[in-house]
Protein backbone atom coordinates (compact mmCIF):
# COMPACT_ATOMS: atom_id res chain seq x y z
CA MET A 1 130.82 113.47 108.46
CA ARG A 2 127.81 112.00 109.85
CA SER A 3 125.05 112.77 106.94
CA LEU A 4 127.85 111.76 104.35
CA ILE A 5 127.52 108.43 106.16
CA VAL A 6 123.99 107.79 106.01
CA ILE A 7 123.74 109.27 102.83
CA ALA A 8 126.17 106.06 101.78
CA ALA A 9 124.27 104.02 102.79
CA LEU A 10 121.34 104.55 101.52
CA ILE A 11 122.80 104.66 98.14
CA VAL A 12 124.33 101.19 98.49
CA PHE A 13 120.85 99.51 99.96
CA PRO A 14 117.80 101.26 98.36
CA VAL A 15 115.24 98.77 99.16
CA PHE A 16 115.88 98.29 102.86
CA ALA A 17 115.91 101.60 103.43
CA ALA A 18 112.99 102.67 101.38
CA GLN A 19 110.28 99.97 101.09
CA ALA A 20 107.31 99.85 103.42
CA ALA A 21 104.76 97.59 101.49
CA ASP A 22 102.24 95.08 101.92
CA ILE A 23 101.50 92.02 100.50
CA ARG A 24 97.58 90.55 100.11
CA PHE A 25 98.19 87.01 99.93
CA ASP A 26 95.32 85.39 97.73
CA ALA A 27 95.68 81.85 97.75
CA LEU A 28 97.12 79.23 99.68
CA THR A 29 97.92 75.63 99.82
CA CYS A 30 99.48 72.52 101.14
CA GLU A 31 99.56 69.42 100.12
CA LEU A 32 101.68 66.33 101.82
CA THR A 33 104.05 64.15 99.41
CA GLY A 34 106.46 61.99 99.92
CA ALA A 35 109.21 64.40 99.49
CA GLY A 36 107.82 66.74 102.10
CA PRO A 37 104.99 69.46 102.03
CA GLN A 38 104.22 71.33 99.24
CA ILE A 39 103.19 75.00 99.55
CA GLU A 40 101.64 76.66 96.64
CA GLY A 41 100.36 80.26 96.88
CA GLN A 42 100.16 83.71 95.23
CA ILE A 43 99.55 87.58 96.17
CA THR A 44 99.46 91.16 94.94
CA ASN A 45 101.46 93.81 95.56
CA VAL A 46 98.78 96.05 96.94
CA SER A 47 101.58 98.72 97.84
CA ASN A 48 102.14 102.43 96.06
CA GLN A 49 105.43 101.26 94.87
CA ALA A 50 107.48 98.27 93.04
CA LEU A 51 108.91 95.57 95.59
CA LYS A 52 112.14 94.21 95.29
CA PHE A 53 113.44 90.77 96.34
CA VAL A 54 110.37 89.61 98.47
CA GLU A 55 110.58 85.88 99.34
CA ILE A 56 108.10 83.99 101.25
CA TYR A 57 108.68 81.50 105.18
CA ALA A 58 106.82 79.11 105.68
CA THR A 59 106.42 77.82 109.31
CA PHE A 60 104.93 74.11 109.82
CA LYS A 61 103.17 73.21 112.53
CA ASP A 62 101.50 69.80 114.01
CA SER A 63 97.72 68.79 115.10
CA ASN A 64 99.11 70.73 118.26
CA GLY A 65 99.91 73.43 117.13
CA LYS A 66 103.74 72.53 117.89
CA PHE A 67 106.58 73.92 116.19
CA LEU A 68 108.12 71.09 113.70
CA SER A 69 110.18 72.85 110.95
CA THR A 70 110.54 76.25 109.04
CA SER A 71 111.36 76.80 105.29
CA GLY A 72 112.58 80.01 104.31
CA GLY A 73 113.49 81.97 101.35
CA ILE A 74 111.15 80.58 98.70
CA PRO A 75 111.31 82.67 95.75
CA LEU A 76 108.37 84.61 93.60
CA GLU A 77 107.36 84.03 90.35
CA PHE A 78 108.66 87.29 89.49
CA ASP A 79 110.57 90.56 90.46
CA PRO A 80 110.28 92.63 91.93
CA ILE A 81 106.78 92.89 91.70
CA SER A 82 104.90 96.21 90.80
CA PRO A 83 101.97 98.15 92.70
CA GLY A 84 99.10 95.64 91.86
CA GLN A 85 100.54 92.96 90.18
CA GLN A 86 100.24 89.11 91.45
CA THR A 87 102.82 86.68 91.43
CA ASN A 88 103.08 83.64 92.43
CA PHE A 89 105.00 81.01 94.83
CA ARG A 90 106.03 77.01 95.20
CA GLY A 91 108.06 75.57 97.91
CA TYR A 92 108.78 72.17 99.83
CA GLY A 93 109.28 71.64 103.81
CA ASP A 94 111.39 69.25 105.76
CA GLU A 95 109.54 65.64 105.68
CA SER A 96 107.30 65.31 108.50
CA SER A 97 104.14 63.20 108.76
CA ALA A 98 103.02 65.04 111.87
CA ILE A 99 102.83 68.30 109.72
CA ALA A 100 99.17 69.78 109.91
CA THR A 101 99.31 73.13 109.10
CA VAL A 102 101.54 75.74 107.72
CA ALA A 103 101.71 79.59 108.56
CA VAL A 104 103.75 81.99 105.42
CA GLN A 105 104.68 85.50 106.35
CA ALA A 106 105.99 87.79 103.20
CA GLY A 107 109.96 89.20 104.25
CA PHE A 108 113.05 91.09 102.32
CA THR A 109 115.64 89.21 101.45
CA GLY A 110 117.78 89.75 104.66
CA GLY A 111 115.01 89.55 107.67
CA SER A 112 112.81 92.08 107.25
CA SER A 113 109.57 91.38 107.14
CA ILE A 114 106.82 92.68 105.70
CA SER A 115 103.57 93.42 106.64
CA THR A 116 100.49 90.96 105.24
CA THR A 117 97.12 90.40 104.94
CA GLY A 118 94.88 87.56 103.72
CA MET A 119 95.26 83.38 104.03
CA THR A 120 98.35 82.99 105.81
CA THR A 121 97.45 79.82 107.13
CA VAL A 122 95.90 76.08 105.61
CA ASP A 123 95.50 72.61 106.52
CA CYS A 124 98.40 70.62 105.16
CA GLU A 125 96.28 67.92 102.86
CA GLN A 126 97.24 64.57 101.85
CA GLY A 127 98.73 64.48 98.33
CA ASP A 128 97.94 61.69 95.92
């Protein structure tokens, strides 16, 4: 009976059971706008499998490294992401004049994180 439950769980939730993935951040910018910080970037799937339900999570800090806010669930341009495929993302954080940096992390919808490499932290620049 126990093995039947495990098999049923793997059938219902195959994405979370099967994906141990790697994402590379190739580009990341943060611009302070009147509506709050806008982050944009590009990632590449460097794993050997297609990745589904990937989102970007951002953490904003002040110039002293103090936590200010988070922005979660930033969608990607493509879903799923095939092995070797690049995709873009764009999202916004809460408005705060104290924001100085942003750090990003990739994760699956539902909260499990994905191992990442590349540019994951940048300074936020004042927009025009």
